[in-house]
PDB file of N, CA and C in Angstrom:
ATOM      1  N   ALA A   1     -16.795   5.671 -11.402  1.00  0.00           N
ATOM      2  CA  ALA A   1     -16.314   4.261 -11.834  1.00  0.00           C
ATOM      3  C   ALA A   1     -15.357   3.838 -11.106  1.00  0.00           C
ATOM      4  N   ALA A   2     -15.385   2.453 -10.911  1.00  0.00           N
ATOM      5  CA  ALA A   2     -14.226   1.428 -10.220  1.00  0.00           C
ATOM      6  C   ALA A   2     -13.894   0.554 -11.215  1.00  0.00           C
ATOM      7  N   ASP A   3     -12.461   0.511 -11.312  1.00  0.00           N
ATOM      8  CA  ASP A   3     -11.711  -0.739 -11.811  1.00  0.00           C
ATOM      9  C   ASP A   3     -11.690  -1.978 -11.182  1.00  0.00           C
ATOM     10  N   ALA A   4     -11.622  -1.599  -9.527  1.00  0.00           N
ATOM     11  CA  ALA A   4     -11.603  -2.763  -8.749  1.00  0.00           C
ATOM     12  C   ALA A   4     -11.816  -2.289  -7.322  1.00  0.00           C
ATOM     13  N   VAL A   5     -12.329  -3.250  -6.543  1.00  0.00           N
ATOM     14  CA  VAL A   5     -12.716  -2.901  -4.969  1.00  0.00           C
ATOM     15  C   VAL A   5     -11.870  -4.082  -4.233  1.00  0.00           C
ATOM     16  N   LEU A   6     -10.905  -3.708  -3.207  1.00  0.00           N
ATOM     17  CA  LEU A   6     -10.433  -4.652  -2.529  1.00  0.00           C
ATOM     18  C   LEU A   6     -10.864  -4.368  -0.963  1.00  0.00           C
ATOM     19  N   LEU A   7     -11.132  -5.573  -0.279  1.00  0.00           N
ATOM     20  CA  LEU A   7     -11.697  -5.294   1.233  1.00  0.00           C
ATOM     21  C   LEU A   7     -10.620  -5.722   1.874  1.00  0.00           C
ATOM     22  N   MET A   8     -10.218  -5.268   2.949  1.00  0.00           N
ATOM     23  CA  MET A   8      -9.051  -5.475   3.855  1.00  0.00           C
ATOM     24  C   MET A   8      -9.335  -5.941   5.237  1.00  0.00           C
ATOM     25  N   ALA A   9      -9.085  -6.877   5.785  1.00  0.00           N
ATOM     26  CA  ALA A   9      -9.245  -6.939   7.350  1.00  0.00           C
ATOM     27  C   ALA A   9      -8.192  -6.422   8.221  1.00  0.00           C
ATOM     28  N   GLN A  10      -6.891  -7.393   8.193  1.00  0.00           N
ATOM     29  CA  GLN A  10      -5.910  -6.987   8.957  1.00  0.00           C
ATOM     30  C   GLN A  10      -4.875  -6.276   8.139  1.00  0.00           C
ATOM     31  N   SER A  11      -4.574  -6.850   6.982  1.00  0.00           N
ATOM     32  CA  SER A  11      -3.442  -6.548   5.979  1.00  0.00           C
ATOM     33  C   SER A  11      -3.882  -6.731   4.476  1.00  0.00           C
ATOM     34  N   CYS A  12      -3.306  -6.263   3.570  1.00  0.00           N
ATOM     35  CA  CYS A  12      -3.211  -6.288   2.330  1.00  0.00           C
ATOM     36  C   CYS A  12      -1.773  -6.379   1.580  1.00  0.00           C
ATOM     37  N   VAL A  13      -1.478  -7.486   1.028  1.00  0.00           N
ATOM     38  CA  VAL A  13      -0.121  -7.717   0.528  1.00  0.00           C
ATOM     39  C   VAL A  13      -0.289  -7.664  -1.151  1.00  0.00           C
ATOM     40  N   LEU A  14       0.685  -6.815  -1.642  1.00  0.00           N
ATOM     41  CA  LEU A  14       0.738  -6.193  -3.001  1.00  0.00           C
ATOM     42  C   LEU A  14       2.158  -6.530  -3.519  1.00  0.00           C
ATOM     43  N   GLY A  15       2.042  -7.490  -4.560  1.00  0.00           N
ATOM     44  CA  GLY A  15       3.496  -7.726  -4.703  1.00  0.00           C
ATOM     45  C   GLY A  15       3.736  -8.751  -5.733  1.00  0.00           C
ATOM     46  N   PRO A  16       5.167  -9.133  -6.068  1.00  0.00           N
ATOM     47  CA  PRO A  16       5.221 -10.065  -7.509  1.00  0.00           C
ATOM     48  C   PRO A  16       5.152 -11.617  -6.985  1.00  0.00           C
ATOM     49  N   SER A  17       4.807 -12.050  -5.543  1.00  0.00           N
ATOM     50  CA  SER A  17       4.659 -13.347  -5.277  1.00  0.00           C
ATOM     51  C   SER A  17       3.305 -13.951  -5.739  1.00  0.00           C
ATOM     52  N   PRO A  18       3.152 -15.190  -6.309  1.00  0.00           N
ATOM     53  CA  PRO A  18       1.744 -15.568  -6.596  1.00  0.00           C
ATOM     54  C   PRO A  18       0.994 -15.768  -5.122  1.00  0.00           C
ATOM     55  N   CYS A  19       1.620 -15.579  -4.022  1.00  0.00           N
ATOM     56  CA  CYS A  19       1.143 -15.670  -2.797  1.00  0.00           C
ATOM     57  C   CYS A  19       0.533 -14.317  -2.061  1.00  0.00           C
ATOM     58  N   SER A  20       0.895 -13.182  -3.044  1.00  0.00           N
ATOM     59  CA  SER A  20       0.412 -11.929  -2.522  1.00  0.00           C
ATOM     60  C   SER A  20      -1.180 -11.961  -2.848  1.00  0.00           C
ATOM     61  N   HIS A  21      -1.618 -11.065  -2.079  1.00  0.00           N
ATOM     62  CA  HIS A  21      -3.202 -10.823  -2.132  1.00  0.00           C
ATOM     63  C   HIS A  21      -3.532 -10.176  -3.419  1.00  0.00           C
ATOM     64  N   VAL A  22      -2.663  -9.133  -3.820  1.00  0.00           N
ATOM     65  CA  VAL A  22      -2.880  -8.601  -5.298  1.00  0.00           C
ATOM     66  C   VAL A  22      -1.474  -8.739  -5.913  1.00  0.00           C
ATOM     67  N   VAL A  23      -1.528  -9.663  -6.971  1.00  0.00           N
ATOM     68  CA  VAL A  23      -0.248  -9.966  -7.815  1.00  0.00           C
ATOM     69  C   VAL A  23       0.074  -8.857  -8.616  1.00  0.00           C
ATOM     70  N   CYS A  24       1.435  -8.420  -8.438  1.00  0.00           N
ATOM     71  CA  CYS A  24       1.905  -7.230  -9.309  1.00  0.00           C
ATOM     72  C   CYS A  24       3.214  -7.930 -10.061  1.00  0.00           C
ATOM     73  N   PRO A  25       3.063  -8.420 -11.163  1.00  0.00           N
ATOM     74  CA  PRO A  25       4.015  -9.414 -11.373  1.00  0.00           C
ATOM     75  C   PRO A  25       5.380  -8.438 -11.820  1.00  0.00           C
ATOM     76  N   ASP A  26       5.464  -7.116 -12.182  1.00  0.00           N
ATOM     77  CA  ASP A  26       6.113  -6.285 -12.474  1.00  0.00           C
ATOM     78  C   ASP A  26       7.063  -5.582 -11.263  1.00  0.00           C
ATOM     79  N   TRP A  27       6.560  -5.770 -10.195  1.00  0.00           N
ATOM     80  CA  TRP A  27       7.111  -4.999  -9.015  1.00  0.00           C
ATOM     81  C   TRP A  27       8.167  -5.829  -8.431  1.00  0.00           C
ATOM     82  N   PRO A  28       9.451  -4.945  -8.001  1.00  0.00           N
ATOM     83  CA  PRO A  28      10.607  -5.733  -7.275  1.00  0.00           C
ATOM     84  C   PRO A  28      10.250  -6.575  -6.018  1.00  0.00           C
ATOM     85  N   ARG A  29       9.550  -5.890  -5.295  1.00  0.00           N
ATOM     86  CA  ARG A  29       9.247  -6.300  -4.009  1.00  0.00           C
ATOM     87  C   ARG A  29       7.814  -5.766  -3.560  1.00  0.00           C
ATOM     88  N   GLU A  30       7.360  -6.271  -2.128  1.00  0.00           N
ATOM     89  CA  GLU A  30       5.945  -6.386  -1.907  1.00  0.00           C
ATOM     90  C   GLU A  30       5.732  -4.732  -1.181  1.00  0.00           C
ATOM     91  N   VAL A  31       4.731  -4.411  -1.001  1.00  0.00           N
ATOM     92  CA  VAL A  31       4.078  -3.189  -0.376  1.00  0.00           C
ATOM     93  C   VAL A  31       2.693  -3.985   0.483  1.00  0.00           C
ATOM     94  N   VAL A  32       2.728  -3.682   1.669  1.00  0.00           N
ATOM     95  CA  VAL A  32       1.955  -4.125   2.555  1.00  0.00           C
ATOM     96  C   VAL A  32       1.083  -3.078   3.329  1.00  0.00           C
ATOM     97  N   LEU A  33      -0.104  -2.762   3.218  1.00  0.00           N
ATOM     98  CA  LEU A  33      -1.340  -2.043   3.966  1.00  0.00           C
ATOM     99  C   LEU A  33      -1.521  -3.059   5.098  1.00  0.00           C
ATOM    100  N   TYR A  34      -1.594  -2.340   6.256  1.00  0.00           N
ATOM    101  CA  TYR A  34      -1.810  -3.264   7.331  1.00  0.00           C
ATOM    102  C   TYR A  34      -2.238  -2.205   8.559  1.00  0.00           C
ATOM    103  N   ARG A  35      -3.195  -2.609   9.641  1.00  0.00           N
ATOM    104  CA  ARG A  35      -3.729  -1.996  10.495  1.00  0.00           C
ATOM    105  C   ARG A  35      -2.705  -2.135  11.818  1.00  0.00           C
ATOM    106  N   HIS A  36      -2.450  -1.184  12.396  1.00  0.00           N
ATOM    107  CA  HIS A  36      -1.565  -1.126  13.588  1.00  0.00           C
ATOM    108  C   HIS A  36      -2.550  -0.430  14.722  1.00  0.00           C
ATOM    109  N   ASP A  37      -2.723  -0.982  15.753  1.00  0.00           N
ATOM    110  CA  ASP A  37      -3.817  -0.452  16.814  1.00  0.00           C
ATOM    111  C   ASP A  37      -4.996   0.035  15.984  1.00  0.00           C
ATOM    112  N   GLU A  38      -5.213   1.540  16.118  1.00  0.00           N
ATOM    113  CA  GLU A  38      -6.480   2.093  15.331  1.00  0.00           C
ATOM    114  C   GLU A  38      -5.936   2.770  14.083  1.00  0.00           C
ATOM    115  N   GLN A  39      -4.828   2.570  13.541  1.00  0.00           N
ATOM    116  CA  GLN A  39      -4.288   3.277  12.273  1.00  0.00           C
ATOM    117  C   GLN A  39      -3.950   2.316  11.178  1.00  0.00           C
ATOM    118  N   LEU A  40      -4.138   3.032  10.215  1.00  0.00           N
ATOM    119  CA  LEU A  40      -3.852   2.332   8.889  1.00  0.00           C
ATOM    120  C   LEU A  40      -2.302   2.573   8.848  1.00  0.00           C
ATOM    121  N   CYS A  41      -1.337   1.578   8.002  1.00  0.00           N
ATOM    122  CA  CYS A  41      -0.038   1.947   7.691  1.00  0.00           C
ATOM    123  C   CYS A  41       0.437   1.209   6.459  1.00  0.00           C
ATOM    124  N   CYS A  42       1.544   1.517   5.968  1.00  0.00           N
ATOM    125  CA  CYS A  42       2.201   1.195   4.877  1.00  0.00           C
ATOM    126  C   CYS A  42       3.603   0.714   4.983  1.00  0.00           C
ATOM    127  N   ARG A  43       4.097  -0.496   4.510  1.00  0.00           N
ATOM    128  CA  ARG A  43       5.508  -0.696   4.648  1.00  0.00           C
ATOM    129  C   ARG A  43       5.841  -1.315   3.251  1.00  0.00           C
ATOM    130  N   THR A  44       7.284  -0.916   3.156  1.00  0.00           N
ATOM    131  CA  THR A  44       7.947  -1.435   2.183  1.00  0.00           C
ATOM    132  C   THR A  44       9.388  -1.121   2.187  1.00  0.00           C
ATOM    133  N   ALA A  45      10.394  -1.734   1.515  1.00  0.00           N
ATOM    134  CA  ALA A  45      11.840  -1.527   1.901  1.00  0.00           C
ATOM    135  C   ALA A  45      12.094  -0.224   1.047  1.00  0.00           C
ATOM    136  N   GLY A  46      12.689   0.599   1.756  1.00  0.00           N
ATOM    137  CA  GLY A  46      13.090   1.925   1.217  1.00  0.00           C
ATOM    138  C   GLY A  46      12.334   3.122   1.117  1.00  0.00           C
ATOM    139  N   ARG A  47      12.476   4.075   0.307  1.00  0.00           N
ATOM    140  CA  ARG A  47      11.730   5.244   0.663  1.00  0.00           C
ATOM    141  C   ARG A  47      10.459   5.417  -0.150  1.00  0.00           C
ATOM    142  N   PHE A  48       9.657   6.028   0.207  1.00  0.00           N
ATOM    143  CA  PHE A  48       8.179   6.193  -0.425  1.00  0.00           C
ATOM    144  C   PHE A  48       7.603   7.472   0.178  1.00  0.00           C
ATOM    145  N   GLU A  49       6.338   8.064  -0.771  1.00  0.00           N
ATOM    146  CA  GLU A  49       5.876   9.215   0.005  1.00  0.00           C
ATOM    147  C   GLU A  49       4.332   8.764   0.253  1.00  0.00           C
ATOM    148  N   VAL A  50       3.825   9.321   1.256  1.00  0.00           N
ATOM    149  CA  VAL A  50       2.236   9.293   1.696  1.00  0.00           C
ATOM    150  C   VAL A  50       1.878  10.864   1.638  1.00  0.00           C
ATOM    151  N   ASP A  51       0.968  10.972   0.781  1.00  0.00           N
ATOM    152  CA  ASP A  51       0.453  12.352   0.700  1.00  0.00           C
ATOM    153  C   ASP A  51       1.303  13.302   0.695  1.00  0.00           C
ATOM    154  N   GLY A  52       2.533  13.128   0.009  1.00  0.00           N
ATOM    155  CA  GLY A  52       3.751  14.019  -0.070  1.00  0.00           C
ATOM    156  C   GLY A  52       4.578  14.197   0.983  1.00  0.00           C
ATOM    157  N   ARG A  53       4.413  13.319   2.071  1.00  0.00           N
ATOM    158  CA  ARG A  53       5.413  13.151   3.126  1.00  0.00           C
ATOM    159  C   ARG A  53       6.550  12.048   3.070  1.00  0.00           C
ATOM    160  N   ARG A  54       7.551  12.285   3.175  1.00  0.00           N
ATOM    161  CA  ARG A  54       8.458  11.422   2.947  1.00  0.00           C
ATOM    162  C   ARG A  54       8.608  10.151   3.998  1.00  0.00           C
ATOM    163  N   CYS A  55       8.750   8.923   3.522  1.00  0.00           N
ATOM    164  CA  CYS A  55       8.810   7.756   4.586  1.00  0.00           C
ATOM    165  C   CYS A  55       9.915   6.966   4.299  1.00  0.00           C
ATOM    166  N   LEU A  56      10.450   6.175   5.326  1.00  0.00           N
ATOM    167  CA  LEU A  56      11.346   5.290   5.022  1.00  0.00           C
ATOM    168  C   LEU A  56      10.849   3.702   5.693  1.00  0.00           C
ATOM    169  N   ASP A  57      10.826   2.910   4.944  1.00  0.00           N
ATOM    170  CA  ASP A  57      10.375   1.391   5.291  1.00  0.00           C
ATOM    171  C   ASP A  57       8.700   1.391   5.805  1.00  0.00           C
ATOM    172  N   ARG A  58       8.342   2.245   6.432  1.00  0.00           N
ATOM    173  CA  ARG A  58       6.991   2.343   7.007  1.00  0.00           C
ATOM    174  C   ARG A  58       6.390   3.716   7.092  1.00  0.00           C
ATOM    175  N   GLY A  59       4.893   3.693   7.105  1.00  0.00           N
ATOM    176  CA  GLY A  59       4.482   5.274   7.528  1.00  0.00           C
ATOM    177  C   GLY A  59       2.961   5.142   7.492  1.00  0.00           C
ATOM    178  N   PRO A  60       2.605   6.005   8.310  1.00  0.00           N
ATOM    179  CA  PRO A  60       0.862   6.023   8.408  1.00  0.00           C
ATOM    180  C   PRO A  60       0.324   6.478   7.224  1.00  0.00           C
ATOM    181  N   ILE A  61      -0.968   6.059   6.791  1.00  0.00           N
ATOM    182  CA  ILE A  61      -1.818   6.330   5.947  1.00  0.00           C
ATOM    183  C   ILE A  61      -3.265   6.453   6.313  1.00  0.00           C
ATOM    184  N   THR A  62      -4.110   7.076   5.570  1.00  0.00           N
ATOM    185  CA  THR A  62      -5.419   7.319   5.850  1.00  0.00           C
ATOM    186  C   THR A  62      -6.267   6.489   4.749  1.00  0.00           C
ATOM    187  N   GLU A  63      -7.369   6.400   4.833  1.00  0.00           N
ATOM    188  CA  GLU A  63      -8.332   5.745   4.025  1.00  0.00           C
ATOM    189  C   GLU A  63      -8.601   6.489   2.594  1.00  0.00           C
ATOM    190  N   ASN A  64      -7.800   7.713   2.612  1.00  0.00           N
ATOM    191  CA  ASN A  64      -7.877   8.276   1.017  1.00  0.00           C
ATOM    192  C   ASN A  64      -6.613   8.778   0.716  1.00  0.00           C
ATOM    193  N   SER A  65      -5.445   8.064   1.038  1.00  0.00           N
ATOM    194  CA  SER A  65      -4.121   8.626   0.892  1.00  0.00           C
ATOM    195  C   SER A  65      -3.679   8.362  -0.427  1.00  0.00           C
ATOM    196  N   HIS A  66      -2.491   8.836  -1.034  1.00  0.00           N
ATOM    197  CA  HIS A  66      -1.963   8.673  -2.264  1.00  0.00           C
ATOM    198  C   HIS A  66      -0.422   8.179  -1.785  1.00  0.00           C
ATOM    199  N   ILE A  67      -0.110   7.024  -2.210  1.00  0.00           N
ATOM    200  CA  ILE A  67       1.225   6.291  -1.750  1.00  0.00           C
ATOM    201  C   ILE A  67       2.043   6.326  -3.015  1.00  0.00           C
ATOM    202  N   GLU A  68       3.086   6.903  -2.976  1.00  0.00           N
ATOM    203  CA  GLU A  68       3.825   6.415  -4.200  1.00  0.00           C
ATOM    204  C   GLU A  68       5.528   6.670  -3.915  1.00  0.00           C
ATOM    205  N   GLY A  69       5.960   5.377  -4.764  1.00  0.00           N
ATOM    206  CA  GLY A  69       7.379   5.063  -4.562  1.00  0.00           C
ATOM    207  C   GLY A  69       8.107   5.249  -5.949  1.00  0.00           C
ATOM    208  N   ASP A  70       9.429   5.060  -6.063  1.00  0.00           N
ATOM    209  CA  ASP A  70       9.963   4.953  -7.154  1.00  0.00           C
ATOM    210  C   ASP A  70       9.402   4.008  -8.416  1.00  0.00           C
ATOM    211  N   TRP A  71       8.774   2.871  -7.806  1.00  0.00           N
ATOM    212  CA  TRP A  71       8.031   1.837  -8.950  1.00  0.00           C
ATOM    213  C   TRP A  71       6.846   1.749  -8.476  1.00  0.00           C
ATOM    214  N   PHE A  72       6.074   2.332  -7.879  1.00  0.00           N
ATOM    215  CA  PHE A  72       4.762   2.100  -7.707  1.00  0.00           C
ATOM    216  C   PHE A  72       3.812   3.216  -7.333  1.00  0.00           C
ATOM    217  N   SER A  73       2.606   3.243  -7.488  1.00  0.00           N
ATOM    218  CA  SER A  73       1.920   4.403  -6.976  1.00  0.00           C
ATOM    219  C   SER A  73       0.309   3.834  -6.874  1.00  0.00           C
ATOM    220  N   MET A  74      -0.200   4.250  -6.019  1.00  0.00           N
ATOM    221  CA  MET A  74      -1.717   3.937  -5.741  1.00  0.00           C
ATOM    222  C   MET A  74      -2.432   4.965  -4.953  1.00  0.00           C
ATOM    223  N   LYS A  75      -3.699   4.752  -4.875  1.00  0.00           N
ATOM    224  CA  LYS A  75      -4.570   6.053  -4.296  1.00  0.00           C
ATOM    225  C   LYS A  75      -5.505   5.190  -3.649  1.00  0.00           C
ATOM    226  N   LEU A  76      -5.804   5.267  -2.396  1.00  0.00           N
ATOM    227  CA  LEU A  76      -6.886   4.686  -1.526  1.00  0.00           C
ATOM    228  C   LEU A  76      -8.031   5.486  -1.778  1.00  0.00           C
ATOM    229  N   GLU A  77      -9.417   4.948  -1.707  1.00  0.00           N
ATOM    230  CA  GLU A  77     -10.516   5.569  -1.439  1.00  0.00           C
ATOM    231  C   GLU A  77     -11.375   4.855  -0.404  1.00  0.00           C
ATOM    232  N   GLU A  78     -11.833   5.419   0.486  1.00  0.00           N
ATOM    233  CA  GLU A  78     -12.866   5.018   1.435  1.00  0.00           C
ATOM    234  C   GLU A  78     -14.193   4.856   0.813  1.00  0.00           C
ATOM    235  N   ILE A  79     -14.795   3.617   0.950  1.00  0.00           N
ATOM    236  CA  ILE A  79     -16.028   3.677   0.426  1.00  0.00           C
ATOM    237  C   ILE A  79     -17.038   3.247   1.683  1.00  0.00           C
TER     238      ILE A  79
END
């Protein structure tokens, strides 16, 4: 079952701004998923984890990564 499906070209902005692709009103700042060369990446200010690996400000992700910070958590699933 799927609650929602997001399609992404070059970037996907999740955050509190009404201009974000996905509006998350309770978040203090945005999280950006983006493509860099042939790789997917995530960036947000501060520390977060990708598949249990610690990252600071940015880090590589895969199509099936679990991304978690102090105030957010998401799981990507390739379709």
